[in-house]
Protein backbone atom coordinates (compact mmCIF):
# COMPACT_ATOMS: atom_id res chain seq x y z
CA MET A 1 9.85 -80.23 -23.39
CA SER A 2 12.64 -78.72 -21.37
CA LYS A 3 12.90 -79.43 -17.69
CA ARG A 4 13.42 -76.61 -15.19
CA LYS A 5 16.91 -76.44 -13.82
CA GLN A 6 17.21 -77.10 -10.10
CA HIS A 7 20.01 -75.21 -8.40
CA HIS A 8 21.74 -76.45 -5.25
CA PRO A 9 21.22 -74.30 -2.13
CA ASP A 10 24.98 -73.72 -1.89
CA PHE A 11 24.98 -72.26 -5.40
CA LYS A 12 22.01 -70.02 -4.58
CA ALA A 13 23.71 -68.75 -1.43
CA ARG A 14 26.95 -68.03 -3.28
CA VAL A 15 25.13 -66.07 -6.00
CA ALA A 16 23.04 -64.15 -3.43
CA LEU A 17 26.15 -63.24 -1.45
CA GLU A 18 27.83 -61.98 -4.60
CA ALA A 19 24.77 -59.84 -5.26
CA LEU A 20 24.89 -58.46 -1.72
CA LYS A 21 28.55 -57.52 -2.09
CA GLY A 22 27.63 -55.18 -4.92
CA GLU A 23 30.95 -55.57 -6.71
CA ALA A 24 29.17 -56.53 -9.93
CA THR A 25 25.77 -55.67 -11.35
CA ILE A 26 22.93 -58.16 -11.31
CA SER A 27 23.19 -58.44 -15.10
CA GLU A 28 26.89 -59.30 -14.87
CA LEU A 29 26.20 -61.90 -12.19
CA ALA A 30 23.37 -63.37 -14.27
CA SER A 31 25.62 -63.85 -17.27
CA ARG A 32 28.52 -65.15 -15.16
CA PHE A 33 26.43 -67.74 -13.31
CA GLY A 34 23.99 -68.50 -16.14
CA VAL A 35 20.77 -67.63 -14.31
CA HIS A 36 18.04 -65.07 -14.89
CA PRO A 37 18.39 -61.75 -13.04
CA THR A 38 14.97 -62.23 -11.45
CA MET A 39 16.22 -65.41 -9.77
CA ILE A 40 19.18 -63.51 -8.32
CA HIS A 41 16.83 -60.90 -6.88
CA GLN A 42 14.64 -63.63 -5.34
CA TRP A 43 17.62 -65.46 -3.82
CA LYS A 44 19.02 -62.19 -2.47
CA ARG A 45 15.67 -61.34 -0.85
CA ALA A 46 15.38 -64.85 0.63
CA LEU A 47 18.89 -64.58 2.05
CA LEU A 48 18.12 -61.24 3.69
CA GLU A 49 14.83 -62.50 5.14
CA GLY A 50 16.36 -65.70 6.52
CA ALA A 51 19.59 -64.20 7.82
CA SER A 52 18.17 -63.47 11.27
CA GLY A 53 17.64 -67.19 11.83
CA VAL A 54 21.39 -67.75 11.77
CA PHE A 55 21.86 -65.73 14.94
CA GLU A 56 19.06 -67.24 17.03
CA ARG A 57 20.43 -68.91 20.15
CA GLY A 58 18.86 -71.68 22.14
CA GLN A 59 15.65 -71.46 20.22
CA SER A 60 15.58 -74.72 18.37
CA LYS A 61 12.65 -75.22 16.09
CA SER A 62 10.22 -77.66 17.62
CA VAL A 63 8.85 -80.28 15.31
CA GLN A 64 5.08 -80.48 15.41
CA ILE A 65 3.77 -84.00 15.05
CA ASP A 66 0.46 -84.46 13.29
CA GLU A 67 -1.10 -87.61 14.75
CA GLY A 68 -3.58 -87.94 11.87
CA GLN A 69 -0.82 -87.88 9.32
CA ILE A 70 1.15 -90.47 11.28
CA ARG A 71 -1.90 -92.77 11.33
CA ASP A 72 -2.34 -92.34 7.57
CA LEU A 73 1.33 -93.09 6.94
CA HIS A 74 1.23 -96.21 9.13
CA ALA A 75 -1.84 -97.39 7.21
CA LYS A 76 -0.04 -96.81 3.92
CA ILE A 77 2.99 -98.77 5.20
CA GLY A 78 0.68 -101.64 6.09
CA GLU A 79 -0.91 -101.60 2.64
CA LEU A 80 2.49 -101.64 0.95
CA ALA A 81 3.71 -104.47 3.17
CA VAL A 82 0.67 -106.56 2.23
CA ALA A 83 1.20 -105.78 -1.45
CA ASN A 84 4.87 -106.79 -1.22
CA ASP A 85 3.97 -110.07 0.51
CA PHE A 86 1.38 -110.78 -2.15
CA LEU A 87 3.82 -110.12 -4.99
CA GLU A 88 6.47 -112.42 -3.50
């Protein structure tokens, strides 16, 4: 079984920017970077949709804290601590 290749975000951004420049066709970029043309189209679309976030000022994203999830995670930490103590 082959494993799917995971590309680094920097690589995706570079390929999407090359696609936006329009100096080469998507097929040429796909062969040059070794990815499928559909992936280039997806990365290009994601870049265009997320580009407005770069220019937002003073609007930091607030982190929403889920108290129920925190309780569950603390419980799991407790279980793992007990298991570690038992195994020692």
